Amino acid sequence: MSLTDDLLKIASLFFPSINVKCTHDKIRPDMEKGYCPDCGKLIQNEWYITRCACCGVKIRAMVKNGNIVPQNHFCHNCGSEEYTVEKLPQINFIDINFAALIKKEIPELVLPSTTRCWQERTTEQPKLLVQYL
């Protein structure tokens, strides 16, 4: 942890109204999913790329206020201001310079509190399971 992270956590103890949100900086971009060591949440990396709607040329993408937008406001190939956003299933080294990364938190699954187990009837005596007579 960095010094600023430690100071923010200490400040949040004294001032609970301060909203400290984890940025998941320690999740590597090459991972598809992973647990953040700072907050413990499951994080999924999603890659997006922008293309010109007119000619289809890749335009450098960036994240602005949670939205994927092109870095330049127009296409250098045709001059159009329209663009489309594509979600990439997997990043490759060609698209890495044009893509934008969003680290999305995956909600926890609620598991049932009881577990059931069945055993098939055999002629052999079970060795690991407790037998009730």
N, C-alpha and C. Protein backbone atom coordinates (compact mmCIF):
# COMPACT_ATOMS: atom_id res chain seq x y z
N MET A 1 0.83 -1.18 0.00
CA MET A 1 0.00 0.00 0.00
C MET A 1 0.87 1.24 0.00
N SER A 2 0.35 2.27 -0.61
CA SER A 2 1.10 3.50 -0.63
C SER A 2 0.74 4.35 0.59
N LEU A 3 1.48 5.39 0.79
CA LEU A 3 1.26 6.27 1.93
C LEU A 3 -0.08 6.99 1.83
N THR A 4 -0.48 7.37 0.63
CA THR A 4 -1.76 8.06 0.47
C THR A 4 -2.93 7.13 0.78
N ASP A 5 -2.81 5.84 0.40
CA ASP A 5 -3.88 4.88 0.72
C ASP A 5 -4.02 4.72 2.23
N ASP A 6 -2.88 4.66 2.92
CA ASP A 6 -2.91 4.53 4.38
C ASP A 6 -3.53 5.76 5.03
N LEU A 7 -3.17 6.94 4.54
CA LEU A 7 -3.73 8.17 5.10
C LEU A 7 -5.24 8.27 4.85
N LEU A 8 -5.70 7.83 3.68
CA LEU A 8 -7.13 7.85 3.40
C LEU A 8 -7.90 6.90 4.31
N LYS A 9 -7.32 5.73 4.58
CA LYS A 9 -7.99 4.78 5.47
C LYS A 9 -8.03 5.30 6.91
N ILE A 10 -6.97 5.94 7.34
CA ILE A 10 -6.96 6.51 8.70
C ILE A 10 -7.97 7.66 8.77
N ALA A 11 -8.03 8.47 7.74
CA ALA A 11 -8.99 9.59 7.73
C ALA A 11 -10.42 9.08 7.72
N SER A 12 -10.66 7.95 7.03
CA SER A 12 -12.03 7.41 6.99
C SER A 12 -12.46 6.85 8.34
N LEU A 13 -11.49 6.49 9.21
CA LEU A 13 -11.84 6.03 10.57
C LEU A 13 -12.35 7.19 11.41
N PHE A 14 -11.72 8.36 11.29
CA PHE A 14 -12.12 9.52 12.07
C PHE A 14 -13.29 10.28 11.45
N PHE A 15 -13.36 10.26 10.13
CA PHE A 15 -14.43 10.95 9.41
C PHE A 15 -15.14 9.94 8.52
N PRO A 16 -16.18 9.25 9.03
CA PRO A 16 -16.83 8.20 8.23
C PRO A 16 -17.58 8.73 7.01
N SER A 17 -17.83 10.02 6.94
CA SER A 17 -18.55 10.57 5.79
C SER A 17 -17.67 10.66 4.54
N ILE A 18 -16.35 10.49 4.69
CA ILE A 18 -15.44 10.51 3.54
C ILE A 18 -15.63 9.21 2.76
N ASN A 19 -15.89 9.34 1.49
CA ASN A 19 -16.11 8.19 0.63
C ASN A 19 -14.78 7.79 -0.02
N VAL A 20 -14.20 6.69 0.41
CA VAL A 20 -12.95 6.20 -0.13
C VAL A 20 -13.28 5.02 -1.05
N LYS A 21 -13.01 5.16 -2.34
CA LYS A 21 -13.30 4.12 -3.30
C LYS A 21 -12.00 3.57 -3.85
N CYS A 22 -11.92 2.26 -3.91
CA CYS A 22 -10.72 1.59 -4.40
C CYS A 22 -10.65 1.74 -5.93
N THR A 23 -9.46 2.01 -6.45
CA THR A 23 -9.26 2.14 -7.89
C THR A 23 -8.71 0.86 -8.51
N HIS A 24 -8.43 -0.14 -7.71
CA HIS A 24 -7.96 -1.46 -8.16
C HIS A 24 -6.69 -1.34 -9.01
N ASP A 25 -5.74 -0.54 -8.54
CA ASP A 25 -4.50 -0.32 -9.28
C ASP A 25 -3.62 -1.57 -9.34
N LYS A 26 -3.77 -2.47 -8.40
CA LYS A 26 -2.89 -3.64 -8.36
C LYS A 26 -3.39 -4.80 -9.20
N ILE A 27 -4.53 -4.64 -9.88
CA ILE A 27 -5.01 -5.65 -10.81
C ILE A 27 -4.30 -5.42 -12.14
N ARG A 28 -3.56 -6.44 -12.60
CA ARG A 28 -2.79 -6.30 -13.83
C ARG A 28 -3.72 -6.26 -15.05
N PRO A 29 -3.38 -5.52 -16.08
CA PRO A 29 -4.24 -5.43 -17.27
C PRO A 29 -4.29 -6.71 -18.09
N ASP A 30 -3.31 -7.59 -17.97
CA ASP A 30 -3.32 -8.81 -18.77
C ASP A 30 -4.20 -9.90 -18.18
N MET A 31 -4.70 -9.71 -16.96
CA MET A 31 -5.58 -10.70 -16.34
C MET A 31 -7.02 -10.48 -16.80
N GLU A 32 -7.76 -11.57 -16.96
CA GLU A 32 -9.17 -11.43 -17.30
C GLU A 32 -9.98 -11.10 -16.06
N LYS A 33 -9.74 -11.83 -14.97
CA LYS A 33 -10.40 -11.60 -13.69
C LYS A 33 -9.38 -11.76 -12.59
N GLY A 34 -9.66 -11.14 -11.46
CA GLY A 34 -8.77 -11.29 -10.32
C GLY A 34 -9.34 -10.57 -9.11
N TYR A 35 -8.86 -10.98 -7.94
CA TYR A 35 -9.27 -10.34 -6.70
C TYR A 35 -8.32 -9.19 -6.38
N CYS A 36 -8.89 -8.06 -6.03
CA CYS A 36 -8.09 -6.89 -5.68
C CYS A 36 -7.51 -7.11 -4.27
N PRO A 37 -6.20 -6.98 -4.10
CA PRO A 37 -5.62 -7.18 -2.76
C PRO A 37 -5.96 -6.06 -1.78
N ASP A 38 -6.36 -4.90 -2.28
CA ASP A 38 -6.69 -3.78 -1.39
C ASP A 38 -8.10 -3.88 -0.81
N CYS A 39 -9.08 -4.18 -1.66
CA CYS A 39 -10.47 -4.21 -1.18
C CYS A 39 -11.05 -5.61 -1.11
N GLY A 40 -10.45 -6.60 -1.79
CA GLY A 40 -10.93 -7.98 -1.72
C GLY A 40 -12.06 -8.30 -2.67
N LYS A 41 -12.42 -7.41 -3.57
CA LYS A 41 -13.53 -7.65 -4.49
C LYS A 41 -13.01 -8.31 -5.77
N LEU A 42 -13.91 -9.07 -6.42
CA LEU A 42 -13.58 -9.71 -7.69
C LEU A 42 -13.71 -8.68 -8.81
N ILE A 43 -12.64 -8.50 -9.58
CA ILE A 43 -12.57 -7.47 -10.62
C ILE A 43 -12.40 -8.14 -11.98
N GLN A 44 -13.15 -7.66 -12.97
CA GLN A 44 -13.03 -8.16 -14.33
C GLN A 44 -12.54 -7.02 -15.22
N ASN A 45 -11.49 -7.28 -15.98
CA ASN A 45 -10.97 -6.29 -16.92
C ASN A 45 -11.75 -6.37 -18.22
N GLU A 46 -12.27 -5.23 -18.68
CA GLU A 46 -12.99 -5.14 -19.94
C GLU A 46 -12.30 -4.14 -20.84
N TRP A 47 -12.00 -4.56 -22.07
CA TRP A 47 -11.31 -3.73 -23.03
C TRP A 47 -12.29 -3.22 -24.07
N TYR A 48 -12.21 -1.94 -24.39
CA TYR A 48 -13.07 -1.32 -25.39
C TYR A 48 -12.21 -0.58 -26.40
N ILE A 49 -12.70 -0.53 -27.64
CA ILE A 49 -11.99 0.18 -28.70
C ILE A 49 -13.02 1.03 -29.46
N THR A 50 -12.59 2.18 -29.95
CA THR A 50 -13.47 3.04 -30.74
C THR A 50 -13.03 3.01 -32.19
N ARG A 51 -14.02 3.05 -33.07
CA ARG A 51 -13.77 3.10 -34.51
C ARG A 51 -14.59 4.23 -35.12
N CYS A 52 -14.11 4.74 -36.22
CA CYS A 52 -14.85 5.76 -36.97
C CYS A 52 -16.09 5.10 -37.56
N ALA A 53 -17.24 5.74 -37.41
CA ALA A 53 -18.49 5.18 -37.94
C ALA A 53 -18.54 5.26 -39.46
N CYS A 54 -17.76 6.14 -40.06
CA CYS A 54 -17.78 6.33 -41.52
C CYS A 54 -16.83 5.36 -42.22
N CYS A 55 -15.56 5.36 -41.83
CA CYS A 55 -14.56 4.56 -42.55
C CYS A 55 -14.06 3.35 -41.76
N GLY A 56 -14.35 3.23 -40.48
CA GLY A 56 -13.98 2.05 -39.71
C GLY A 56 -12.54 2.05 -39.19
N VAL A 57 -11.84 3.15 -39.26
CA VAL A 57 -10.47 3.23 -38.78
C VAL A 57 -10.47 3.27 -37.25
N LYS A 58 -9.50 2.59 -36.64
CA LYS A 58 -9.38 2.61 -35.18
C LYS A 58 -8.96 4.00 -34.70
N ILE A 59 -9.61 4.46 -33.65
CA ILE A 59 -9.29 5.74 -33.04
C ILE A 59 -8.91 5.46 -31.59
N ARG A 60 -7.89 6.13 -31.08
CA ARG A 60 -7.48 5.93 -29.68
C ARG A 60 -8.65 6.26 -28.75
N ALA A 61 -8.91 5.34 -27.82
CA ALA A 61 -10.03 5.50 -26.89
C ALA A 61 -9.53 5.90 -25.52
N MET A 62 -10.42 6.54 -24.75
CA MET A 62 -10.12 6.88 -23.37
C MET A 62 -11.43 6.85 -22.58
N VAL A 63 -11.29 6.74 -21.27
CA VAL A 63 -12.45 6.72 -20.39
C VAL A 63 -12.62 8.13 -19.82
N LYS A 64 -13.81 8.69 -20.02
CA LYS A 64 -14.09 10.03 -19.53
C LYS A 64 -15.44 9.99 -18.82
N ASN A 65 -15.42 10.22 -17.52
CA ASN A 65 -16.63 10.17 -16.69
C ASN A 65 -17.36 8.84 -16.81
N GLY A 66 -16.62 7.76 -16.92
CA GLY A 66 -17.21 6.42 -17.01
C GLY A 66 -17.66 6.02 -18.40
N ASN A 67 -17.50 6.88 -19.39
CA ASN A 67 -17.90 6.58 -20.77
C ASN A 67 -16.66 6.40 -21.63
N ILE A 68 -16.78 5.57 -22.66
CA ILE A 68 -15.70 5.36 -23.61
C ILE A 68 -15.88 6.38 -24.74
N VAL A 69 -14.88 7.23 -24.92
CA VAL A 69 -14.92 8.25 -25.97
C VAL A 69 -13.59 8.25 -26.71
N PRO A 70 -13.57 8.72 -27.96
CA PRO A 70 -12.28 8.81 -28.66
C PRO A 70 -11.44 9.95 -28.10
N GLN A 71 -10.13 9.78 -28.18
CA GLN A 71 -9.22 10.79 -27.66
C GLN A 71 -9.30 12.07 -28.48
N ASN A 72 -9.37 11.93 -29.79
CA ASN A 72 -9.56 13.09 -30.67
C ASN A 72 -11.03 13.16 -31.05
N HIS A 73 -11.52 14.34 -31.29
CA HIS A 73 -12.94 14.52 -31.55
C HIS A 73 -13.33 14.27 -33.00
N PHE A 74 -12.36 13.88 -33.82
CA PHE A 74 -12.66 13.61 -35.22
C PHE A 74 -11.70 12.55 -35.74
N CYS A 75 -12.07 11.94 -36.85
CA CYS A 75 -11.24 10.91 -37.49
C CYS A 75 -10.17 11.58 -38.34
N HIS A 76 -8.93 11.11 -38.21
CA HIS A 76 -7.83 11.67 -39.01
C HIS A 76 -7.87 11.19 -40.45
N ASN A 77 -8.64 10.13 -40.70
CA ASN A 77 -8.70 9.59 -42.06
C ASN A 77 -9.74 10.31 -42.91
N CYS A 78 -10.97 10.45 -42.37
CA CYS A 78 -12.04 11.05 -43.18
C CYS A 78 -12.61 12.34 -42.59
N GLY A 79 -12.30 12.65 -41.34
CA GLY A 79 -12.77 13.88 -40.73
C GLY A 79 -14.12 13.77 -40.04
N SER A 80 -14.71 12.60 -40.00
CA SER A 80 -16.02 12.41 -39.38
C SER A 80 -15.91 12.49 -37.86
N GLU A 81 -16.98 12.99 -37.23
CA GLU A 81 -17.02 13.08 -35.77
C GLU A 81 -17.78 11.91 -35.14
N GLU A 82 -18.41 11.07 -35.97
CA GLU A 82 -19.18 9.93 -35.46
C GLU A 82 -18.23 8.77 -35.18
N TYR A 83 -18.56 8.00 -34.12
CA TYR A 83 -17.73 6.86 -33.75
C TYR A 83 -18.60 5.76 -33.17
N THR A 84 -18.06 4.55 -33.17
CA THR A 84 -18.72 3.41 -32.54
C THR A 84 -17.77 2.82 -31.51
N VAL A 85 -18.34 2.22 -30.49
CA VAL A 85 -17.56 1.59 -29.42
C VAL A 85 -17.75 0.09 -29.50
N GLU A 86 -16.64 -0.66 -29.52
CA GLU A 86 -16.68 -2.12 -29.56
C GLU A 86 -16.06 -2.67 -28.29
N LYS A 87 -16.68 -3.71 -27.75
CA LYS A 87 -16.08 -4.42 -26.61
C LYS A 87 -15.26 -5.57 -27.17
N LEU A 88 -13.99 -5.63 -26.77
CA LEU A 88 -13.10 -6.69 -27.24
C LEU A 88 -13.20 -7.89 -26.31
N PRO A 89 -13.35 -9.09 -26.87
CA PRO A 89 -13.40 -10.27 -26.00
C PRO A 89 -12.05 -10.56 -25.34
N GLN A 90 -10.99 -10.22 -26.04
CA GLN A 90 -9.64 -10.43 -25.52
C GLN A 90 -8.72 -9.40 -26.18
N ILE A 91 -7.81 -8.86 -25.42
CA ILE A 91 -6.91 -7.84 -25.95
C ILE A 91 -5.73 -8.51 -26.65
N ASN A 92 -5.28 -7.93 -27.76
CA ASN A 92 -4.06 -8.40 -28.41
C ASN A 92 -3.09 -7.23 -28.53
N PHE A 93 -1.87 -7.52 -28.90
CA PHE A 93 -0.82 -6.49 -28.88
C PHE A 93 -1.03 -5.43 -29.95
N ILE A 94 -1.82 -5.71 -30.99
CA ILE A 94 -2.06 -4.71 -32.03
C ILE A 94 -3.03 -3.64 -31.53
N ASP A 95 -4.07 -4.06 -30.77
CA ASP A 95 -5.10 -3.13 -30.32
C ASP A 95 -4.77 -2.46 -28.99
N ILE A 96 -3.68 -2.82 -28.35
CA ILE A 96 -3.38 -2.30 -27.01
C ILE A 96 -3.19 -0.78 -27.02
N ASN A 97 -2.67 -0.23 -28.10
CA ASN A 97 -2.45 1.22 -28.17
C ASN A 97 -3.73 2.00 -28.41
N PHE A 98 -4.77 1.34 -28.91
CA PHE A 98 -6.02 2.02 -29.22
C PHE A 98 -7.11 1.75 -28.19
N ALA A 99 -6.94 0.77 -27.33
CA ALA A 99 -8.00 0.31 -26.44
C ALA A 99 -7.99 1.06 -25.11
N ALA A 100 -9.16 1.06 -24.47
CA ALA A 100 -9.34 1.62 -23.13
C ALA A 100 -9.76 0.50 -22.20
N LEU A 101 -9.28 0.54 -20.97
CA LEU A 101 -9.53 -0.51 -19.99
C LEU A 101 -10.49 0.00 -18.92
N ILE A 102 -11.51 -0.81 -18.64
CA ILE A 102 -12.41 -0.54 -17.53
C ILE A 102 -12.35 -1.72 -16.58
N LYS A 103 -12.12 -1.43 -15.32
CA LYS A 103 -12.07 -2.47 -14.29
C LYS A 103 -13.43 -2.52 -13.60
N LYS A 104 -14.18 -3.59 -13.89
CA LYS A 104 -15.56 -3.71 -13.43
C LYS A 104 -15.63 -4.66 -12.24
N GLU A 105 -16.35 -4.23 -11.20
CA GLU A 105 -16.54 -5.08 -10.02
C GLU A 105 -17.65 -6.08 -10.31
N ILE A 106 -17.39 -7.34 -10.00
CA ILE A 106 -18.38 -8.40 -10.17
C ILE A 106 -19.06 -8.62 -8.83
N PRO A 107 -20.40 -8.55 -8.79
CA PRO A 107 -21.08 -8.73 -7.49
C PRO A 107 -20.91 -10.16 -6.98
N GLU A 108 -20.94 -10.28 -5.66
CA GLU A 108 -20.78 -11.59 -5.03
C GLU A 108 -22.04 -12.42 -5.21
N LEU A 109 -21.86 -13.71 -5.39
CA LEU A 109 -22.99 -14.62 -5.51
C LEU A 109 -23.42 -15.05 -4.11
N VAL A 110 -24.74 -15.12 -3.91
CA VAL A 110 -25.26 -15.59 -2.63
C VAL A 110 -25.43 -17.09 -2.73
N LEU A 111 -24.72 -17.82 -1.89
CA LEU A 111 -24.76 -19.27 -1.90
C LEU A 111 -25.72 -19.76 -0.82
N PRO A 112 -26.35 -20.90 -1.04
CA PRO A 112 -27.25 -21.42 0.00
C PRO A 112 -26.46 -21.81 1.25
N SER A 113 -27.14 -21.74 2.39
CA SER A 113 -26.45 -21.99 3.65
C SER A 113 -26.37 -23.47 4.01
N THR A 114 -27.14 -24.32 3.34
CA THR A 114 -27.09 -25.75 3.64
C THR A 114 -26.45 -26.50 2.49
N THR A 115 -25.79 -27.58 2.81
CA THR A 115 -25.16 -28.43 1.82
C THR A 115 -25.71 -29.84 1.99
N ARG A 116 -26.07 -30.47 0.90
CA ARG A 116 -26.60 -31.82 0.95
C ARG A 116 -25.65 -32.75 0.22
N CYS A 117 -25.58 -33.99 0.75
CA CYS A 117 -24.68 -34.98 0.17
C CYS A 117 -25.43 -36.31 0.10
N TRP A 118 -25.28 -37.01 -1.00
CA TRP A 118 -25.89 -38.31 -1.16
C TRP A 118 -24.81 -39.34 -1.40
N GLN A 119 -25.12 -40.57 -0.94
CA GLN A 119 -24.18 -41.67 -1.14
C GLN A 119 -24.93 -42.80 -1.82
N GLU A 120 -24.31 -43.36 -2.84
CA GLU A 120 -24.94 -44.48 -3.53
C GLU A 120 -24.82 -45.74 -2.67
N ARG A 121 -25.81 -46.61 -2.77
CA ARG A 121 -25.78 -47.85 -2.00
C ARG A 121 -24.86 -48.84 -2.69
N THR A 122 -23.92 -49.35 -1.94
CA THR A 122 -23.00 -50.35 -2.45
C THR A 122 -22.86 -51.45 -1.42
N THR A 123 -22.23 -52.52 -1.82
CA THR A 123 -22.02 -53.64 -0.89
C THR A 123 -20.80 -53.37 0.01
N GLU A 124 -19.96 -52.45 -0.41
CA GLU A 124 -18.76 -52.15 0.37
C GLU A 124 -19.09 -51.21 1.52
N GLN A 125 -18.34 -51.31 2.56
CA GLN A 125 -18.49 -50.43 3.72
C GLN A 125 -17.80 -49.10 3.41
N PRO A 126 -18.47 -47.96 3.62
CA PRO A 126 -17.79 -46.67 3.37
C PRO A 126 -16.66 -46.46 4.36
N LYS A 127 -15.54 -45.94 3.87
CA LYS A 127 -14.36 -45.79 4.72
C LYS A 127 -14.18 -44.35 5.20
N LEU A 128 -14.63 -43.39 4.41
CA LEU A 128 -14.41 -42.01 4.79
C LEU A 128 -15.66 -41.36 5.37
N LEU A 129 -16.84 -41.88 5.05
CA LEU A 129 -18.06 -41.29 5.53
C LEU A 129 -18.48 -41.96 6.85
N VAL A 130 -19.11 -41.21 7.72
CA VAL A 130 -19.60 -41.74 8.98
C VAL A 130 -20.89 -42.49 8.70
N GLN A 131 -20.99 -43.71 9.21
CA GLN A 131 -22.18 -44.53 8.95
C GLN A 131 -23.08 -44.48 10.18
N TYR A 132 -24.35 -44.13 9.93
CA TYR A 132 -25.33 -44.09 11.01
C TYR A 132 -26.18 -45.35 10.95
N LEU A 133 -26.29 -46.04 12.07
CA LEU A 133 -27.09 -47.28 12.11
C LEU A 133 -28.43 -47.06 12.77
